């Protein structure tokens, strides 16, 4: 009974199963007094009392945070502080998860505030009072910073941040690979610096402007390359369709020959804002540029395929063989011979090869 009264008055610390209890209001603080066995297993030690000056300082710091009066009594102060900590903890956890998911520097501040709240919730009543008395100003400032960050994490601001990261990590590198660094200027570097700065909330409008400028540059270049590819392949298709040989093919053969070209001759460009590829083609900027460079080869291949089909159709027993003229003029050169002599040798080899094929009755297709 005496020990229970002393504990209720805050005069002793009760330790049970390795855990110290300083306040009778803690949920499991009554366990040492519930049974004789638990009472005998517990230990009791005098508790250092908190002076009135410390209590008054702690109350003032807490009232500045919660905006209401609190009794100048240890347990009342601790309970009010823990109530505030539980409310703040519920608010900071989702904000922390959002900040971490978006790789924001502000996540560090929210993490520090979360750890501070854990210390409050795990501490005893005297720990809470001393914490408020000694670190009240720091705690209040940390809470204010965390509150501003939570207010900043709106859907609109988060969308701006995601767009800015897309501009820095995807659009700008794609443009640089295409040799468009001058059009971008210093925007990607400035945007990267803002995204990694703790001043991001204050500079969010600047980040939005730089991201939109990078996106506009990418949109213009991507669409110009898409249009160039369409023009090239449309011209190639019209050229093949205009050949007499093409009209001699059946519809299935015509579709087979034109398919590689038609797949690249897409006029519509459904490129969304901050999108890396058009939704209707899924072609990257690098793939479009590769298609532009490959257009002459694909057109030549389509013509050769058309000639091959016609040759086989004219005489199914006739063997068809393609001759690539360039293969006779490539390879190591003999430094002891002049250019004319080397050309004459290449023509002799070509002549011998063609005569040999003709003697065998082979249908020759030129490439």
Protein backbone atom coordinates (compact mmCIF):
# COMPACT_ATOMS: atom_id res chain seq x y z
CA UNK A 1 0.00 0.00 0.00
CA UNK A 2 2.81 2.38 0.90
CA UNK A 3 4.64 1.70 -2.34
CA UNK A 4 1.45 2.11 -4.35
CA UNK A 5 0.81 5.48 -2.74
CA UNK A 6 4.40 6.60 -3.39
CA UNK A 7 4.10 5.47 -7.00
CA UNK A 8 0.79 7.36 -7.37
CA UNK A 9 2.46 10.46 -5.95
CA UNK A 10 5.37 10.15 -8.36
CA UNK A 11 7.92 9.53 -5.61
CA UNK A 12 9.34 6.21 -6.89
CA UNK A 13 10.19 4.32 -10.10
CA UNK A 14 8.84 0.79 -10.40
CA UNK A 15 10.78 -1.68 -12.57
CA UNK A 16 8.98 -4.85 -13.69
CA UNK A 17 10.36 -7.41 -16.18
CA UNK A 18 13.14 -5.02 -17.13
CA UNK A 19 10.84 -2.11 -17.91
CA UNK A 20 10.80 1.03 -15.72
CA UNK A 21 7.46 2.69 -14.93
CA UNK A 22 7.50 6.31 -13.87
CA UNK A 23 3.79 7.14 -14.20
CA UNK A 24 0.80 5.28 -12.82
CA UNK A 25 -1.11 6.24 -16.00
CA UNK A 26 0.93 3.92 -18.22
CA UNK A 27 -1.31 1.01 -19.36
CA UNK A 28 0.77 -1.78 -17.80
CA UNK A 29 1.99 0.13 -14.76
CA UNK A 30 -0.40 -1.75 -12.42
CA UNK A 31 0.99 -5.20 -13.21
CA UNK A 32 3.61 -5.16 -10.39
CA UNK A 33 0.79 -4.52 -7.87
CA UNK A 34 -1.67 -7.06 -9.32
CA UNK A 35 -0.25 -10.23 -7.74
CA UNK A 36 2.12 -11.15 -4.95
CA UNK A 37 4.49 -12.88 -7.36
CA UNK A 38 4.68 -9.86 -9.65
CA UNK A 39 5.14 -7.54 -6.65
CA UNK A 40 8.05 -9.57 -5.30
CA UNK A 41 9.70 -9.69 -8.75
CA UNK A 42 9.54 -5.91 -9.13
CA UNK A 43 12.07 -3.40 -7.85
CA UNK A 44 11.42 0.07 -6.45
CA UNK A 45 13.77 3.05 -6.40
CA UNK A 46 13.43 6.69 -5.35
CA UNK A 47 12.60 9.01 -8.18
CA UNK A 48 14.24 12.37 -8.68
CA UNK A 49 11.52 14.97 -8.45
CA UNK A 50 11.14 17.65 -11.07
CA UNK A 51 11.34 21.20 -9.74
CA UNK A 52 8.65 23.79 -10.35
CA UNK A 53 10.82 25.84 -12.73
CA UNK A 54 11.27 22.85 -15.06
CA UNK A 55 7.56 22.09 -14.95
CA UNK A 56 6.69 25.72 -15.73
CA UNK A 57 9.13 25.82 -18.68
CA UNK A 58 7.73 22.55 -20.03
CA UNK A 59 4.13 23.77 -19.73
CA UNK A 60 4.91 26.99 -21.61
CA UNK A 61 6.63 25.07 -24.43
CA UNK A 62 3.72 22.64 -24.72
CA UNK A 63 1.06 25.36 -24.62
CA UNK A 64 2.84 27.17 -27.46
CA UNK A 65 2.47 24.03 -29.53
CA UNK A 66 -1.09 22.98 -28.73
CA UNK A 67 -2.60 26.42 -28.10
CA UNK A 68 -4.40 25.53 -24.85
CA UNK A 69 -3.67 25.55 -21.13
CA UNK A 70 -2.17 22.53 -19.35
CA UNK A 71 -1.95 21.91 -15.60
CA UNK A 72 1.48 22.46 -14.09
CA UNK A 73 1.72 18.84 -13.05
CA UNK A 74 4.04 16.16 -14.40
CA UNK A 75 1.46 13.56 -15.38
CA UNK A 76 -0.83 16.15 -17.01
CA UNK A 77 2.02 17.58 -19.03
CA UNK A 78 3.21 14.13 -20.14
CA UNK A 79 -0.29 12.99 -21.08
CA UNK A 80 -0.97 16.11 -23.15
CA UNK A 81 2.43 15.78 -24.85
CA UNK A 82 1.87 12.11 -25.69
CA UNK A 83 -1.61 12.90 -27.03
CA UNK A 84 -0.06 15.46 -29.35
CA UNK A 85 2.63 12.95 -30.36
CA UNK A 86 0.06 10.29 -31.27
CA UNK A 87 -1.87 12.75 -33.44
CA UNK A 88 1.30 13.93 -35.16
CA UNK A 89 2.49 10.36 -35.67
CA UNK A 90 -0.71 9.45 -37.50
CA UNK A 91 -0.21 12.45 -39.77
CA UNK A 92 3.52 12.11 -40.43
CA UNK A 93 3.62 8.44 -41.46
CA UNK A 94 1.70 8.77 -44.76
CA UNK A 95 3.54 12.02 -45.53
CA UNK A 96 6.88 10.30 -44.91
CA UNK A 97 5.93 7.41 -47.20
CA UNK A 98 4.91 9.85 -49.95
CA UNK A 99 8.12 11.87 -49.61
CA UNK A 100 10.27 8.74 -49.73
CA UNK A 101 8.39 7.35 -52.73
CA UNK A 102 9.04 10.60 -54.61
CA UNK A 103 12.69 10.77 -53.43
CA UNK A 104 12.23 14.19 -51.84
CA UNK A 105 14.96 15.75 -49.66
CA UNK A 106 12.15 16.73 -47.27
CA UNK A 107 11.81 13.05 -46.32
CA UNK A 108 14.79 13.51 -44.00
CA UNK A 109 12.95 16.18 -41.98
CA UNK A 110 9.84 14.02 -41.73
CA UNK A 111 11.99 11.07 -40.64
CA UNK A 112 13.59 13.15 -37.89
CA UNK A 113 10.16 14.29 -36.70
CA UNK A 114 8.90 10.71 -36.68
CA UNK A 115 11.85 9.61 -34.54
CA UNK A 116 11.25 12.51 -32.16
CA UNK A 117 7.63 11.41 -31.77
CA UNK A 118 8.74 7.83 -31.08
CA UNK A 119 10.97 9.11 -28.31
CA UNK A 120 8.06 11.01 -26.78
CA UNK A 121 5.70 8.04 -26.94
CA UNK A 122 8.29 5.66 -25.47
CA UNK A 123 9.48 8.03 -22.73
CA UNK A 124 8.27 8.29 -19.18
CA UNK A 125 6.42 11.28 -17.81
CA UNK A 126 9.60 12.84 -16.39
CA UNK A 127 11.36 12.28 -19.73
CA UNK A 128 8.56 14.11 -21.52
CA UNK A 129 8.73 17.05 -19.11
CA UNK A 130 12.51 17.35 -19.35
CA UNK A 131 12.30 17.00 -23.12
CA UNK A 132 9.89 19.92 -23.32
CA UNK A 133 11.86 22.03 -20.87
CA UNK A 134 15.21 21.46 -22.59
CA UNK A 135 14.27 21.06 -26.26
CA UNK A 136 10.87 22.71 -26.50
CA UNK A 137 11.91 25.35 -29.05
CA UNK A 138 13.69 22.78 -31.24
CA UNK A 139 10.73 20.41 -31.10
CA UNK A 140 8.30 23.19 -32.01
CA UNK A 141 10.45 24.28 -34.98
CA UNK A 142 10.77 20.68 -36.20
CA UNK A 143 7.02 20.25 -35.93
CA UNK A 144 6.42 23.46 -37.91
CA UNK A 145 8.78 22.33 -40.68
CA UNK A 146 7.08 18.94 -40.86
CA UNK A 147 3.68 20.63 -41.04
CA UNK A 148 4.79 22.82 -43.96
CA UNK A 149 6.08 19.76 -45.79
CA UNK A 150 2.77 17.95 -45.29
CA UNK A 151 0.94 20.96 -46.68
CA UNK A 152 3.28 20.99 -49.67
CA UNK A 153 2.59 17.36 -50.60
CA UNK A 154 -0.52 18.09 -52.66
CA UNK A 155 -1.51 16.14 -55.77
CA UNK A 156 -0.60 19.09 -57.97
CA UNK A 157 2.86 19.53 -56.50
CA UNK A 158 3.55 15.79 -56.61
CA UNK A 159 2.56 15.71 -60.28
CA UNK A 160 4.95 18.60 -60.95
CA UNK A 161 7.74 16.70 -59.21
CA UNK A 162 7.05 13.52 -61.19
CA UNK A 163 7.05 15.48 -64.44
CA UNK A 164 10.28 17.20 -63.48
CA UNK A 165 11.95 13.86 -62.78
CA UNK A 166 10.72 12.51 -66.12
CA UNK A 167 12.17 15.57 -67.85
CA UNK A 168 15.55 15.16 -66.13
CA UNK A 169 15.88 11.38 -66.20
CA UNK A 170 14.26 10.47 -69.54
CA UNK A 171 13.49 13.36 -71.90
CA UNK A 172 16.75 15.28 -71.51
CA UNK A 173 19.02 12.19 -71.94
CA UNK A 174 17.06 11.16 -75.06
CA UNK A 175 17.55 14.61 -76.57
CA UNK A 176 21.23 14.65 -75.66
CA UNK A 177 21.70 11.27 -77.37
CA UNK A 178 20.19 12.84 -80.49
CA UNK A 179 22.62 15.75 -80.33
CA UNK A 180 20.11 18.36 -79.13
CA UNK A 181 22.05 19.61 -76.08
CA UNK A 182 22.10 23.20 -77.31
CA UNK A 183 18.30 23.36 -77.50
CA UNK A 184 18.04 22.21 -73.88
CA UNK A 185 20.54 24.70 -72.54
CA UNK A 186 21.04 24.69 -68.77
CA UNK A 187 17.45 23.65 -67.94
CA UNK A 188 18.21 19.98 -67.04
CA UNK A 189 21.10 20.91 -64.74
CA UNK A 190 19.05 23.58 -62.97
CA UNK A 191 16.09 21.25 -62.63
CA UNK A 192 18.26 18.49 -61.19
CA UNK A 193 19.69 20.93 -58.64
CA UNK A 194 16.20 22.06 -57.54
CA UNK A 195 14.91 18.48 -57.16
CA UNK A 196 17.83 17.65 -54.86
CA UNK A 197 17.50 20.80 -52.79
CA UNK A 198 15.74 21.21 -49.46
CA UNK A 199 14.31 24.43 -50.95
CA UNK A 200 12.15 22.48 -53.39
CA UNK A 201 8.84 23.59 -51.77
CA UNK A 202 9.83 27.25 -52.23
CA UNK A 203 11.07 26.68 -55.81
CA UNK A 204 8.29 24.42 -57.07
CA UNK A 205 7.08 27.01 -59.62
CA UNK A 206 10.59 27.31 -61.02
CA UNK A 207 10.80 23.52 -61.28
CA UNK A 208 7.49 23.46 -63.13
CA UNK A 209 8.69 26.07 -65.64
CA UNK A 210 11.96 24.25 -66.36
CA UNK A 211 10.20 20.89 -66.70
CA UNK A 212 7.68 22.31 -69.16
CA UNK A 213 10.48 23.91 -71.20
CA UNK A 214 12.29 20.56 -71.43
CA UNK A 215 9.07 18.78 -72.38
CA UNK A 216 8.31 21.36 -75.11
CA UNK A 217 11.78 20.85 -76.58
CA UNK A 218 11.32 17.07 -76.60
CA UNK A 219 7.82 17.31 -78.09
CA UNK A 220 9.01 19.50 -80.98
CA UNK A 221 11.98 17.30 -81.85
CA UNK A 222 10.12 13.98 -81.47
CA UNK A 223 7.25 15.18 -83.67
CA UNK A 224 9.63 16.52 -86.32
CA UNK A 225 11.43 13.15 -86.47
CA UNK A 226 8.11 11.29 -86.57
CA UNK A 227 6.95 13.50 -89.45
CA UNK A 228 10.24 13.00 -91.32
CA UNK A 229 9.92 9.22 -91.00
CA UNK A 230 6.35 9.33 -92.26
CA UNK A 231 7.32 11.44 -95.27
CA UNK A 232 10.24 9.17 -96.21
CA UNK A 233 8.31 5.92 -95.98
CA UNK A 234 5.19 7.32 -97.63
CA UNK A 235 7.33 8.42 -100.59
CA UNK A 236 8.97 4.98 -100.73
CA UNK A 237 5.58 3.24 -100.71
CA UNK A 238 4.27 5.48 -103.51
CA UNK A 239 7.43 4.84 -105.51
CA UNK A 240 7.04 1.05 -105.26
CA UNK A 241 3.31 1.19 -106.02
CA UNK A 242 4.11 3.15 -109.15
CA UNK A 243 6.31 0.41 -110.62
CA UNK A 244 4.93 -1.84 -113.36
CA UNK A 245 6.27 -4.93 -111.58
CA UNK A 246 4.20 -4.13 -108.48
CA UNK A 247 0.96 -4.17 -110.46
CA UNK A 248 1.80 -7.68 -111.67
CA UNK A 249 1.69 -9.07 -108.11
CA UNK A 250 -1.41 -10.39 -106.37
CA UNK A 251 -2.80 -8.56 -103.35
CA UNK A 252 -1.21 -10.89 -100.79
CA UNK A 253 2.24 -10.42 -102.31
CA UNK A 254 1.76 -6.65 -102.48
CA UNK A 255 0.87 -6.51 -98.78
CA UNK A 256 3.86 -8.67 -97.87
CA UNK A 257 6.27 -6.41 -99.75
CA UNK A 258 4.86 -3.16 -98.36
CA UNK A 259 4.35 -4.30 -94.75
CA UNK A 260 7.82 -3.31 -93.43
CA UNK A 261 7.39 0.14 -94.97
CA UNK A 262 3.76 0.67 -93.97
CA UNK A 263 4.53 -0.24 -90.37
CA UNK A 264 6.80 2.81 -90.22
CA UNK A 265 4.62 5.16 -92.29
CA UNK A 266 2.39 6.28 -89.42
CA UNK A 267 1.04 9.80 -89.77
CA UNK A 268 -0.60 10.31 -86.36
CA UNK A 269 1.71 11.10 -83.45
CA UNK A 270 -0.12 10.57 -80.14
CA UNK A 271 2.65 11.81 -77.84
CA UNK A 272 1.29 12.78 -74.39
CA UNK A 273 2.84 15.54 -72.26
CA UNK A 274 6.05 14.27 -70.63
CA UNK A 275 5.67 11.03 -72.57
CA UNK A 276 8.79 9.32 -73.90
CA UNK A 277 7.01 7.51 -76.75
CA UNK A 278 3.84 8.03 -78.78
CA UNK A 279 0.95 5.95 -77.48
CA UNK A 280 -0.02 4.68 -80.93
CA UNK A 281 3.48 3.54 -82.03
CA UNK A 282 5.48 3.00 -78.80
CA UNK A 283 8.55 4.02 -80.83
CA UNK A 284 11.39 5.66 -78.93
CA UNK A 285 13.25 8.62 -80.36
CA UNK A 286 16.22 6.37 -81.06
CA UNK A 287 14.03 3.87 -82.94
CA UNK A 288 12.53 6.61 -85.11
CA UNK A 289 15.97 7.92 -86.01
CA UNK A 290 17.13 4.37 -86.79
CA UNK A 291 14.10 3.90 -89.08
CA UNK A 292 14.99 7.10 -90.93
CA UNK A 293 18.52 5.85 -91.56
CA UNK A 294 17.26 2.40 -92.58
CA UNK A 295 14.73 3.69 -95.12
CA UNK A 296 16.91 3.32 -98.26
CA UNK A 297 17.86 -0.23 -97.31
CA UNK A 298 14.29 -1.27 -96.55
CA UNK A 299 13.06 0.23 -99.81
CA UNK A 300 15.76 -1.61 -101.76
CA UNK A 301 14.90 -4.85 -99.95
CA UNK A 302 11.22 -4.44 -100.85
CA UNK A 303 12.09 -3.91 -104.53
CA UNK A 304 14.42 -6.93 -104.52
CA UNK A 305 11.73 -9.04 -102.91
CA UNK A 306 9.25 -7.95 -105.56
CA UNK A 307 11.67 -8.88 -108.34
CA UNK A 308 12.35 -12.24 -106.72
CA UNK A 309 8.65 -13.10 -106.53
CA UNK A 310 8.15 -12.17 -110.16
CA UNK A 311 11.17 -14.18 -111.29
CA UNK A 312 9.98 -17.30 -109.49
CA UNK A 313 6.48 -16.81 -110.83
CA UNK A 314 7.72 -16.66 -114.43
CA UNK A 315 9.57 -19.96 -114.15
CA UNK A 316 9.27 -21.92 -110.94
CA UNK A 317 12.18 -24.16 -111.97
CA UNK A 318 14.52 -21.24 -112.49
CA UNK A 319 16.98 -20.63 -109.67
CA UNK A 320 17.10 -17.03 -108.53
CA UNK A 321 20.21 -15.51 -106.97
CA UNK A 322 20.92 -12.00 -105.80
CA UNK A 323 24.20 -10.30 -106.67
CA UNK A 324 25.35 -7.48 -104.44
CA UNK A 325 27.57 -5.29 -106.61
CA UNK A 326 29.20 -3.53 -103.67
CA UNK A 327 30.71 -6.82 -102.46
CA UNK A 328 33.04 -6.85 -105.47
CA UNK A 329 34.43 -3.41 -104.69
CA UNK A 330 35.12 -3.84 -100.98
CA UNK A 331 37.91 -5.58 -99.12
CA UNK A 332 41.64 -4.99 -98.68
CA UNK A 333 43.37 -3.02 -101.41
CA UNK A 334 46.67 -3.98 -102.99
CA UNK A 335 49.01 -1.02 -102.35
CA UNK A 336 51.19 -2.04 -105.34
CA UNK A 337 48.35 -1.39 -107.79
CA UNK A 338 46.73 1.84 -108.94
CA UNK A 339 43.05 2.69 -108.43
CA UNK A 340 42.30 1.96 -112.10
CA UNK A 341 43.96 -1.46 -111.89
CA UNK A 342 41.95 -2.31 -108.77
CA UNK A 343 38.70 -1.21 -110.47
CA UNK A 344 39.51 -3.33 -113.51
CA UNK A 345 40.14 -6.37 -111.30
CA UNK A 346 36.82 -5.86 -109.49
CA UNK A 347 34.97 -5.60 -112.81
CA UNK A 348 36.69 -8.76 -114.05
CA UNK A 349 35.56 -10.66 -110.94
CA UNK A 350 32.02 -9.33 -111.35
CA UNK A 351 31.96 -10.29 -115.04
CA UNK A 352 33.20 -13.80 -114.32
CA UNK A 353 30.58 -14.26 -111.60
CA UNK A 354 27.71 -13.04 -113.76
CA UNK A 355 28.75 -15.13 -116.76
CA UNK A 356 29.02 -18.18 -114.52
CA UNK A 357 25.48 -17.68 -113.17
CA UNK A 358 24.06 -17.12 -116.63
CA UNK A 359 25.73 -20.28 -117.92
CA UNK A 360 24.00 -22.17 -115.13
CA UNK A 361 20.63 -20.71 -116.12
CA UNK A 362 20.28 -18.67 -112.93
CA UNK A 363 17.96 -15.63 -112.80
CA UNK A 364 20.05 -12.72 -111.50
CA UNK A 365 18.64 -10.03 -109.20
CA UNK A 366 20.78 -6.92 -108.79
CA UNK A 367 21.45 -5.29 -105.43
